[in-house]
Structures are given as structure tokens and as C-alpha cells.
PDB file of N, CA and C in Angstrom:
ATOM      1  N   MET A   1      -6.648   9.165 -16.018  1.00  0.00           N
ATOM      2  CA  MET A   1      -5.504   8.570 -16.768  1.00  0.00           C
ATOM      3  C   MET A   1      -5.906   7.603 -17.831  1.00  0.00           C
ATOM      4  N   THR A   2      -6.997   7.773 -18.532  1.00  0.00           N
ATOM      5  CA  THR A   2      -7.461   7.012 -19.475  1.00  0.00           C
ATOM      6  C   THR A   2      -6.554   6.975 -20.775  1.00  0.00           C
ATOM      7  N   GLU A   3      -5.793   8.033 -20.891  1.00  0.00           N
ATOM      8  CA  GLU A   3      -4.832   8.099 -22.115  1.00  0.00           C
ATOM      9  C   GLU A   3      -3.612   7.077 -21.843  1.00  0.00           C
ATOM     10  N   ILE A   4      -3.492   6.580 -20.819  1.00  0.00           N
ATOM     11  CA  ILE A   4      -2.276   5.532 -20.557  1.00  0.00           C
ATOM     12  C   ILE A   4      -2.795   4.124 -20.583  1.00  0.00           C
ATOM     13  N   ASP A   5      -2.306   3.298 -21.540  1.00  0.00           N
ATOM     14  CA  ASP A   5      -2.881   2.016 -21.818  1.00  0.00           C
ATOM     15  C   ASP A   5      -2.754   1.121 -20.592  1.00  0.00           C
ATOM     16  N   ASP A   6      -3.628  -0.047 -20.522  1.00  0.00           N
ATOM     17  CA  ASP A   6      -3.469  -0.842 -19.238  1.00  0.00           C
ATOM     18  C   ASP A   6      -2.130  -1.494 -19.095  1.00  0.00           C
ATOM     19  N   ALA A   7      -1.460  -1.900 -20.292  1.00  0.00           N
ATOM     20  CA  ALA A   7      -0.214  -2.677 -20.175  1.00  0.00           C
ATOM     21  C   ALA A   7       0.906  -1.630 -19.216  1.00  0.00           C
ATOM     22  N   THR A   8       0.840  -0.442 -19.898  1.00  0.00           N
ATOM     23  CA  THR A   8       1.762   0.404 -19.418  1.00  0.00           C
ATOM     24  C   THR A   8       1.427   0.902 -17.697  1.00  0.00           C
ATOM     25  N   ALA A   9       0.251   0.905 -17.561  1.00  0.00           N
ATOM     26  CA  ALA A   9      -0.287   1.126 -16.133  1.00  0.00           C
ATOM     27  C   ALA A   9       0.155  -0.033 -15.274  1.00  0.00           C
ATOM     28  N   ALA A  10      -0.127  -1.311 -15.828  1.00  0.00           N
ATOM     29  CA  ALA A  10       0.229  -2.380 -15.041  1.00  0.00           C
ATOM     30  C   ALA A  10       1.823  -2.539 -14.809  1.00  0.00           C
ATOM     31  N   ALA A  11       2.565  -2.237 -15.794  1.00  0.00           N
ATOM     32  CA  ALA A  11       3.956  -2.289 -15.645  1.00  0.00           C
ATOM     33  C   ALA A  11       4.482  -1.240 -14.515  1.00  0.00           C
ATOM     34  N   ALA A  12       3.888  -0.104 -14.535  1.00  0.00           N
ATOM     35  CA  ALA A  12       4.218   0.941 -13.533  1.00  0.00           C
ATOM     36  C   ALA A  12       3.794   0.339 -12.157  1.00  0.00           C
ATOM     37  N   PHE A  13       2.636  -0.074 -11.912  1.00  0.00           N
ATOM     38  CA  PHE A  13       2.108  -0.806 -10.699  1.00  0.00           C
ATOM     39  C   PHE A  13       2.979  -1.706 -10.156  1.00  0.00           C
ATOM     40  N   ARG A  14       3.436  -2.721 -10.990  1.00  0.00           N
ATOM     41  CA  ARG A  14       4.390  -3.747 -10.712  1.00  0.00           C
ATOM     42  C   ARG A  14       5.685  -3.388 -10.233  1.00  0.00           C
ATOM     43  N   ARG A  15       6.269  -2.195 -11.116  1.00  0.00           N
ATOM     44  CA  ARG A  15       7.314  -1.524 -10.414  1.00  0.00           C
ATOM     45  C   ARG A  15       7.050  -0.847  -9.239  1.00  0.00           C
ATOM     46  N   LEU A  16       6.135  -0.211  -8.809  1.00  0.00           N
ATOM     47  CA  LEU A  16       5.911   0.409  -7.507  1.00  0.00           C
ATOM     48  C   LEU A  16       5.811  -0.669  -6.553  1.00  0.00           C
ATOM     49  N   VAL A  17       4.892  -1.885  -6.718  1.00  0.00           N
ATOM     50  CA  VAL A  17       4.979  -2.840  -5.735  1.00  0.00           C
ATOM     51  C   VAL A  17       6.412  -3.357  -5.453  1.00  0.00           C
ATOM     52  N   ALA A  18       7.377  -3.667  -6.465  1.00  0.00           N
ATOM     53  CA  ALA A  18       8.472  -4.227  -6.209  1.00  0.00           C
ATOM     54  C   ALA A  18       9.427  -3.195  -5.526  1.00  0.00           C
ATOM     55  N   HIS A  19       9.267  -1.975  -5.766  1.00  0.00           N
ATOM     56  CA  HIS A  19      10.056  -0.866  -4.879  1.00  0.00           C
ATOM     57  C   HIS A  19       9.639  -0.882  -3.424  1.00  0.00           C
ATOM     58  N   LEU A  20       8.320  -1.094  -3.296  1.00  0.00           N
ATOM     59  CA  LEU A  20       7.844  -1.165  -1.978  1.00  0.00           C
ATOM     60  C   LEU A  20       8.289  -2.359  -1.141  1.00  0.00           C
ATOM     61  N   GLN A  21       8.312  -3.588  -1.863  1.00  0.00           N
ATOM     62  CA  GLN A  21       8.890  -4.761  -1.293  1.00  0.00           C
ATOM     63  C   GLN A  21      10.335  -4.634  -1.008  1.00  0.00           C
ATOM     64  N   HIS A  22      11.116  -3.718  -1.860  1.00  0.00           N
ATOM     65  CA  HIS A  22      12.560  -3.581  -1.489  1.00  0.00           C
ATOM     66  C   HIS A  22      12.652  -2.751  -0.269  1.00  0.00           C
ATOM     67  N   ARG A  23      11.874  -1.708  -0.176  1.00  0.00           N
ATOM     68  CA  ARG A  23      11.953  -0.630   0.642  1.00  0.00           C
ATOM     69  C   ARG A  23      11.077  -0.854   2.001  1.00  0.00           C
ATOM     70  N   THR A  24      11.673  -1.942   2.799  1.00  0.00           N
ATOM     71  CA  THR A  24      10.943  -2.224   3.882  1.00  0.00           C
ATOM     72  C   THR A  24      11.055  -1.152   4.918  1.00  0.00           C
ATOM     73  N   ASP A  25      11.980  -0.329   4.803  1.00  0.00           N
ATOM     74  CA  ASP A  25      12.338   0.673   5.783  1.00  0.00           C
ATOM     75  C   ASP A  25      11.282   1.812   5.736  1.00  0.00           C
ATOM     76  N   ALA A  26      10.581   1.808   4.500  1.00  0.00           N
ATOM     77  CA  ALA A  26       9.493   2.860   4.513  1.00  0.00           C
ATOM     78  C   ALA A  26       8.221   2.321   5.096  1.00  0.00           C
ATOM     79  N   GLN A  27       7.980   2.780   6.214  1.00  0.00           N
ATOM     80  CA  GLN A  27       7.021   2.355   7.070  1.00  0.00           C
ATOM     81  C   GLN A  27       5.567   2.663   6.632  1.00  0.00           C
ATOM     82  N   ASN A  28       4.687   1.932   6.788  1.00  0.00           N
ATOM     83  CA  ASN A  28       3.267   2.276   6.291  1.00  0.00           C
ATOM     84  C   ASN A  28       2.688   3.628   6.872  1.00  0.00           C
ATOM     85  N   VAL A  29       3.100   3.722   8.217  1.00  0.00           N
ATOM     86  CA  VAL A  29       2.493   4.792   8.942  1.00  0.00           C
ATOM     87  C   VAL A  29       3.106   6.254   8.322  1.00  0.00           C
ATOM     88  N   ASP A  30       4.398   6.020   7.915  1.00  0.00           N
ATOM     89  CA  ASP A  30       5.028   7.178   7.058  1.00  0.00           C
ATOM     90  C   ASP A  30       4.409   7.516   5.703  1.00  0.00           C
ATOM     91  N   LEU A  31       4.152   6.301   4.960  1.00  0.00           N
ATOM     92  CA  LEU A  31       3.364   6.463   3.757  1.00  0.00           C
ATOM     93  C   LEU A  31       2.145   7.215   3.849  1.00  0.00           C
ATOM     94  N   MET A  32       1.537   6.908   4.916  1.00  0.00           N
ATOM     95  CA  MET A  32       0.070   7.280   5.129  1.00  0.00           C
ATOM     96  C   MET A  32       0.177   8.688   5.506  1.00  0.00           C
ATOM     97  N   GLY A  33       1.090   9.108   6.338  1.00  0.00           N
ATOM     98  CA  GLY A  33       1.329  10.452   6.778  1.00  0.00           C
ATOM     99  C   GLY A  33       1.850  11.495   5.730  1.00  0.00           C
ATOM    100  N   LEU A  34       2.379  10.822   4.614  1.00  0.00           N
ATOM    101  CA  LEU A  34       2.929  11.875   3.517  1.00  0.00           C
ATOM    102  C   LEU A  34       1.826  11.750   2.376  1.00  0.00           C
ATOM    103  N   ALA A  35       1.294  10.632   2.142  1.00  0.00           N
ATOM    104  CA  ALA A  35       0.559  10.403   0.752  1.00  0.00           C
ATOM    105  C   ALA A  35      -0.865   9.982   0.910  1.00  0.00           C
ATOM    106  N   GLY A  36      -1.293   9.555   2.294  1.00  0.00           N
ATOM    107  CA  GLY A  36      -2.515   8.980   2.490  1.00  0.00           C
ATOM    108  C   GLY A  36      -2.859   7.718   1.996  1.00  0.00           C
ATOM    109  N   PHE A  37      -1.973   7.016   1.660  1.00  0.00           N
ATOM    110  CA  PHE A  37      -2.066   5.707   1.390  1.00  0.00           C
ATOM    111  C   PHE A  37      -0.758   4.808   1.755  1.00  0.00           C
ATOM    112  N   CYS A  38      -1.029   3.462   1.842  1.00  0.00           N
ATOM    113  CA  CYS A  38       0.109   2.512   2.157  1.00  0.00           C
ATOM    114  C   CYS A  38       0.171   1.231   1.404  1.00  0.00           C
ATOM    115  N   ARG A  39       0.845   0.324   1.715  1.00  0.00           N
ATOM    116  CA  ARG A  39       0.839  -0.976   1.182  1.00  0.00           C
ATOM    117  C   ARG A  39      -0.525  -1.683   1.408  1.00  0.00           C
ATOM    118  N   ASN A  40      -1.127  -1.557   2.544  1.00  0.00           N
ATOM    119  CA  ASN A  40      -2.441  -2.090   2.745  1.00  0.00           C
ATOM    120  C   ASN A  40      -3.347  -1.534   1.788  1.00  0.00           C
ATOM    121  N   CYS A  41      -3.480  -0.357   1.409  1.00  0.00           N
ATOM    122  CA  CYS A  41      -4.397   0.432   0.635  1.00  0.00           C
ATOM    123  C   CYS A  41      -4.045  -0.230  -0.827  1.00  0.00           C
ATOM    124  N   LEU A  42      -3.039  -0.361  -1.232  1.00  0.00           N
ATOM    125  CA  LEU A  42      -2.693  -0.977  -2.404  1.00  0.00           C
ATOM    126  C   LEU A  42      -3.242  -2.129  -2.750  1.00  0.00           C
ATOM    127  N   GLY A  43      -2.973  -3.130  -1.689  1.00  0.00           N
ATOM    128  CA  GLY A  43      -3.496  -4.383  -1.621  1.00  0.00           C
ATOM    129  C   GLY A  43      -5.042  -4.529  -1.584  1.00  0.00           C
ATOM    130  N   ASP A  44      -5.665  -3.707  -0.813  1.00  0.00           N
ATOM    131  CA  ASP A  44      -7.171  -3.535  -0.889  1.00  0.00           C
ATOM    132  C   ASP A  44      -7.690  -3.122  -2.258  1.00  0.00           C
ATOM    133  N   TRP A  45      -7.003  -2.149  -2.863  1.00  0.00           N
ATOM    134  CA  TRP A  45      -7.322  -1.658  -4.278  1.00  0.00           C
ATOM    135  C   TRP A  45      -7.283  -2.621  -5.295  1.00  0.00           C
ATOM    136  N   LEU A  46      -6.207  -3.481  -5.113  1.00  0.00           N
ATOM    137  CA  LEU A  46      -5.906  -4.600  -6.014  1.00  0.00           C
ATOM    138  C   LEU A  46      -7.113  -5.684  -5.766  1.00  0.00           C
ATOM    139  N   GLY A  47      -7.555  -5.991  -4.552  1.00  0.00           N
ATOM    140  CA  GLY A  47      -8.414  -6.744  -4.404  1.00  0.00           C
ATOM    141  C   GLY A  47      -9.882  -6.481  -4.897  1.00  0.00           C
ATOM    142  N   GLU A  48     -10.161  -5.134  -4.713  1.00  0.00           N
ATOM    143  CA  GLU A  48     -11.400  -4.524  -5.320  1.00  0.00           C
ATOM    144  C   GLU A  48     -11.311  -4.446  -6.752  1.00  0.00           C
ATOM    145  N   ALA A  49     -10.242  -4.111  -7.327  1.00  0.00           N
ATOM    146  CA  ALA A  49     -10.120  -3.961  -8.841  1.00  0.00           C
ATOM    147  C   ALA A  49     -10.402  -5.441  -9.546  1.00  0.00           C
ATOM    148  N   SER A  50     -10.079  -6.603  -8.879  1.00  0.00           N
ATOM    149  CA  SER A  50     -10.253  -7.742  -9.373  1.00  0.00           C
ATOM    150  C   SER A  50     -11.507  -8.382  -9.623  1.00  0.00           C
ATOM    151  N   ASN A  51     -12.523  -7.666  -9.279  1.00  0.00           N
ATOM    152  CA  ASN A  51     -13.942  -8.065  -9.459  1.00  0.00           C
ATOM    153  C   ASN A  51     -14.180  -9.485  -8.814  1.00  0.00           C
ATOM    154  N   GLY A  52     -13.666  -9.652  -7.584  1.00  0.00           N
ATOM    155  CA  GLY A  52     -13.884 -10.918  -6.906  1.00  0.00           C
ATOM    156  C   GLY A  52     -12.986 -12.082  -7.129  1.00  0.00           C
ATOM    157  N   ALA A  53     -11.824 -11.977  -8.165  1.00  0.00           N
ATOM    158  CA  ALA A  53     -10.854 -12.734  -8.288  1.00  0.00           C
ATOM    159  C   ALA A  53      -9.900 -12.940  -7.031  1.00  0.00           C
ATOM    160  N   LEU A  54      -9.793 -11.785  -6.468  1.00  0.00           N
ATOM    161  CA  LEU A  54      -8.793 -11.743  -5.203  1.00  0.00           C
ATOM    162  C   LEU A  54      -9.637 -11.173  -4.112  1.00  0.00           C
ATOM    163  N   THR A  55      -9.278 -11.678  -2.950  1.00  0.00           N
ATOM    164  CA  THR A  55      -9.742 -11.030  -1.780  1.00  0.00           C
ATOM    165  C   THR A  55      -8.851  -9.811  -1.340  1.00  0.00           C
ATOM    166  N   LYS A  56      -9.269  -9.011  -0.537  1.00  0.00           N
ATOM    167  CA  LYS A  56      -8.365  -7.969  -0.079  1.00  0.00           C
ATOM    168  C   LYS A  56      -7.055  -8.525   0.594  1.00  0.00           C
ATOM    169  N   ALA A  57      -7.192  -9.638   1.319  1.00  0.00           N
ATOM    170  CA  ALA A  57      -6.103 -10.202   2.085  1.00  0.00           C
ATOM    171  C   ALA A  57      -5.083 -10.806   0.908  1.00  0.00           C
ATOM    172  N   GLN A  58      -5.716 -11.373  -0.073  1.00  0.00           N
ATOM    173  CA  GLN A  58      -4.795 -11.871  -1.231  1.00  0.00           C
ATOM    174  C   GLN A  58      -3.897 -10.592  -1.766  1.00  0.00           C
ATOM    175  N   GLY A  59      -4.751  -9.604  -2.035  1.00  0.00           N
ATOM    176  CA  GLY A  59      -4.277  -8.444  -2.772  1.00  0.00           C
ATOM    177  C   GLY A  59      -3.088  -7.908  -1.993  1.00  0.00           C
ATOM    178  N   ARG A  60      -3.178  -7.987  -0.505  1.00  0.00           N
ATOM    179  CA  ARG A  60      -2.205  -7.599   0.367  1.00  0.00           C
ATOM    180  C   ARG A  60      -0.765  -8.456   0.330  1.00  0.00           C
ATOM    181  N   ASP A  61      -1.139  -9.719   0.237  1.00  0.00           N
ATOM    182  CA  ASP A  61      -0.273 -10.725   0.189  1.00  0.00           C
ATOM    183  C   ASP A  61       0.680 -10.430  -1.108  1.00  0.00           C
ATOM    184  N   TYR A  62      -0.087 -10.178  -2.257  1.00  0.00           N
ATOM    185  CA  TYR A  62       0.826  -9.785  -3.338  1.00  0.00           C
ATOM    186  C   TYR A  62       1.582  -8.560  -3.202  1.00  0.00           C
ATOM    187  N   VAL A  63       1.097  -7.403  -2.725  1.00  0.00           N
ATOM    188  CA  VAL A  63       1.760  -6.264  -2.456  1.00  0.00           C
ATOM    189  C   VAL A  63       2.850  -6.444  -1.528  1.00  0.00           C
ATOM    190  N   TYR A  64       2.789  -7.151  -0.400  1.00  0.00           N
ATOM    191  CA  TYR A  64       3.913  -7.398   0.486  1.00  0.00           C
ATOM    192  C   TYR A  64       4.809  -8.484   0.021  1.00  0.00           C
ATOM    193  N   GLY A  65       4.482  -9.285  -0.801  1.00  0.00           N
ATOM    194  CA  GLY A  65       5.231 -10.418  -1.280  1.00  0.00           C
ATOM    195  C   GLY A  65       5.398 -11.542  -0.254  1.00  0.00           C
ATOM    196  N   MET A  66       4.376 -11.547   0.680  1.00  0.00           N
ATOM    197  CA  MET A  66       4.323 -12.480   1.723  1.00  0.00           C
ATOM    198  C   MET A  66       3.068 -12.278   2.545  1.00  0.00           C
ATOM    199  N   PRO A  67       2.649 -13.027   3.365  1.00  0.00           N
ATOM    200  CA  PRO A  67       1.473 -12.695   4.218  1.00  0.00           C
ATOM    201  C   PRO A  67       1.757 -11.395   4.981  1.00  0.00           C
ATOM    202  N   TYR A  68       0.839 -10.584   5.051  1.00  0.00           N
ATOM    203  CA  TYR A  68       0.888  -9.296   5.823  1.00  0.00           C
ATOM    204  C   TYR A  68       1.389  -9.506   7.268  1.00  0.00           C
ATOM    205  N   ALA A  69       0.800 -10.586   7.903  1.00  0.00           N
ATOM    206  CA  ALA A  69       1.341 -10.875   9.288  1.00  0.00           C
ATOM    207  C   ALA A  69       2.818 -11.142   9.326  1.00  0.00           C
ATOM    208  N   ASP A  70       3.326 -11.815   8.392  1.00  0.00           N
ATOM    209  CA  ASP A  70       4.752 -12.088   8.422  1.00  0.00           C
ATOM    210  C   ASP A  70       5.579 -10.843   8.129  1.00  0.00           C
ATOM    211  N   TRP A  71       5.182  -9.977   7.180  1.00  0.00           N
ATOM    212  CA  TRP A  71       5.853  -8.704   6.819  1.00  0.00           C
ATOM    213  C   TRP A  71       5.810  -7.809   8.189  1.00  0.00           C
ATOM    214  N   LYS A  72       4.795  -7.645   8.759  1.00  0.00           N
ATOM    215  CA  LYS A  72       4.409  -6.865  10.028  1.00  0.00           C
ATOM    216  C   LYS A  72       5.362  -7.444  11.060  1.00  0.00           C
ATOM    217  N   ALA A  73       5.640  -8.668  11.200  1.00  0.00           N
ATOM    218  CA  ALA A  73       6.390  -9.172  12.356  1.00  0.00           C
ATOM    219  C   ALA A  73       7.998  -8.946  11.867  1.00  0.00           C
ATOM    220  N   GLN A  74       8.160  -8.939  10.632  1.00  0.00           N
ATOM    221  CA  GLN A  74       9.573  -8.724  10.192  1.00  0.00           C
ATOM    222  C   GLN A  74      10.026  -7.311  10.168  1.00  0.00           C
ATOM    223  N   HIS A  75       9.204  -6.512   9.617  1.00  0.00           N
ATOM    224  CA  HIS A  75       9.603  -5.184   9.159  1.00  0.00           C
ATOM    225  C   HIS A  75       8.854  -3.949   9.923  1.00  0.00           C
ATOM    226  N   GLN A  76       7.774  -4.077  10.580  1.00  0.00           N
ATOM    227  CA  GLN A  76       6.967  -2.972  11.151  1.00  0.00           C
ATOM    228  C   GLN A  76       7.525  -2.500  12.345  1.00  0.00           C
ATOM    229  N   GLN A  77       7.558  -1.262  12.563  1.00  0.00           N
ATOM    230  CA  GLN A  77       8.147  -0.623  13.809  1.00  0.00           C
ATOM    231  C   GLN A  77       7.055  -0.034  14.592  1.00  0.00           C
ATOM    232  N   PRO A  78       7.104   0.126  15.784  1.00  0.00           N
ATOM    233  CA  PRO A  78       6.032   0.796  16.433  1.00  0.00           C
ATOM    234  C   PRO A  78       5.869   2.218  15.974  1.00  0.00           C
ATOM    235  N   ALA A  79       4.726   2.737  15.782  1.00  0.00           N
ATOM    236  CA  ALA A  79       4.446   4.177  15.361  1.00  0.00           C
ATOM    237  C   ALA A  79       4.601   4.839  16.645  1.00  0.00           C
ATOM    238  N   THR A  80       5.314   6.059  16.365  1.00  0.00           N
ATOM    239  CA  THR A  80       5.318   7.252  17.226  1.00  0.00           C
ATOM    240  C   THR A  80       3.992   8.015  17.460  1.00  0.00           C
ATOM    241  N   PRO A  81       3.841   8.796  18.362  1.00  0.00           N
ATOM    242  CA  PRO A  81       2.717   9.633  18.448  1.00  0.00           C
ATOM    243  C   PRO A  81       2.752  10.725  17.281  1.00  0.00           C
ATOM    244  N   ALA A  82       3.767  11.259  16.952  1.00  0.00           N
ATOM    245  CA  ALA A  82       3.996  12.138  15.868  1.00  0.00           C
ATOM    246  C   ALA A  82       3.648  11.696  14.552  1.00  0.00           C
ATOM    247  N   GLN A  83       4.250  10.268  14.390  1.00  0.00           N
ATOM    248  CA  GLN A  83       3.675   9.663  13.042  1.00  0.00           C
ATOM    249  C   GLN A  83       2.252   9.411  12.842  1.00  0.00           C
ATOM    250  N   LEU A  84       1.645   9.015  14.067  1.00  0.00           N
ATOM    251  CA  LEU A  84       0.076   8.751  14.098  1.00  0.00           C
ATOM    252  C   LEU A  84      -0.497  10.181  13.764  1.00  0.00           C
ATOM    253  N   GLN A  85      -0.017  11.210  14.428  1.00  0.00           N
ATOM    254  CA  GLN A  85      -0.744  12.418  14.077  1.00  0.00           C
ATOM    255  C   GLN A  85      -0.504  12.975  12.719  1.00  0.00           C
ATOM    256  N   ARG A  86       0.575  12.758  12.009  1.00  0.00           N
ATOM    257  CA  ARG A  86       0.724  13.137  10.639  1.00  0.00           C
ATOM    258  C   ARG A  86      -0.199  12.225   9.744  1.00  0.00           C
ATOM    259  N   MET A  87      -0.285  10.926  10.054  1.00  0.00           N
ATOM    260  CA  MET A  87      -1.268  10.043   9.379  1.00  0.00           C
ATOM    261  C   MET A  87      -2.669  10.624   9.533  1.00  0.00           C
ATOM    262  N   GLU A  88      -3.176  10.862  10.685  1.00  0.00           N
ATOM    263  CA  GLU A  88      -4.426  11.368  10.871  1.00  0.00           C
ATOM    264  C   GLU A  88      -4.664  12.495  10.153  1.00  0.00           C
ATOM    265  N   GLU A  89      -3.917  13.560  10.042  1.00  0.00           N
ATOM    266  CA  GLU A  89      -4.047  14.857   9.301  1.00  0.00           C
ATOM    267  C   GLU A  89      -3.929  14.600   7.740  1.00  0.00           C
ATOM    268  N   SER A  90      -2.992  13.606   7.355  1.00  0.00           N
ATOM    269  CA  SER A  90      -2.988  13.216   6.001  1.00  0.00           C
ATOM    270  C   SER A  90      -4.371  12.790   5.419  1.00  0.00           C
ATOM    271  N   LEU A  91      -4.935  11.687   6.297  1.00  0.00           N
ATOM    272  CA  LEU A  91      -6.054  11.004   5.835  1.00  0.00           C
ATOM    273  C   LEU A  91      -7.292  11.990   5.815  1.00  0.00           C
ATOM    274  N   LYS A  92      -7.332  13.019   6.447  1.00  0.00           N
ATOM    275  CA  LYS A  92      -8.433  14.058   6.291  1.00  0.00           C
ATOM    276  C   LYS A  92      -8.395  14.629   5.041  1.00  0.00           C
ATOM    277  N   ARG A  93      -7.296  14.732   4.311  1.00  0.00           N
ATOM    278  CA  ARG A  93      -7.119  15.253   3.017  1.00  0.00           C
ATOM    279  C   ARG A  93      -7.625  14.244   1.722  1.00  0.00           C
ATOM    280  N   ASN A  94      -7.636  13.090   2.143  1.00  0.00           N
ATOM    281  CA  ASN A  94      -8.119  11.962   1.034  1.00  0.00           C
ATOM    282  C   ASN A  94      -9.548  12.276   0.570  1.00  0.00           C
ATOM    283  N   PRO A  95      -9.917  12.021  -0.678  1.00  0.00           N
ATOM    284  CA  PRO A  95     -11.063  12.050  -1.125  1.00  0.00           C
ATOM    285  C   PRO A  95     -11.963  10.849  -0.523  1.00  0.00           C
ATOM    286  N   GLY A  96     -13.138  11.252  -0.533  1.00  0.00           N
ATOM    287  CA  GLY A  96     -14.247  10.467   0.142  1.00  0.00           C
ATOM    288  C   GLY A  96     -14.196   8.951  -0.110  1.00  0.00           C
TER     289      GLY A  96
END
């Protein structure tokens, strides 16, 4: 994606984060089962990309719009065995 400038990529990332903050009904386990990543992954990637300016926890707080523990208490539903199975199968398809 080197042909997309950083400002455009950043704007798209911010829009994705805002969308995920709005769609609290989209459970992380479902995102993982479908696409192999979730809000936690985005927060971790943000922390890693910051070259030490943010911890992974701070990256997650940004993605969730609040501390992860608060989001989890307010929005996370228990995962079903079927959701967990889909997640496990999906994760096998992720690159190393």
C-alpha cells in the first residue's frame, strides 16, 4: 500500500476506529472469526507502529475509546463454542 499517502491511510484508519467504536454490537470474537483480527489487534498494531510512543495498552484504549476493561464490562458478550471454533479456524489462516 505504498502508493497511498500517509494522510489518506491515517484518515481511513481513524474512520475504521470510529466505526468500530460505534458498532459495539460487532463482537471481537466475530471479527476474529471472519477476518482474523479485532480491536485488540488494531490497538496492538498501533502501539507497535508508534515506535515506543504508545504502549499496546494505550493503543487499545485509543481504539476502544476507553480503557479496554471498561469496554469489555459494558459491551462484550460471552463467546459461544461456535464463535470460538470459527475464531480458531480463522487464525490459522493469518500470516506468521
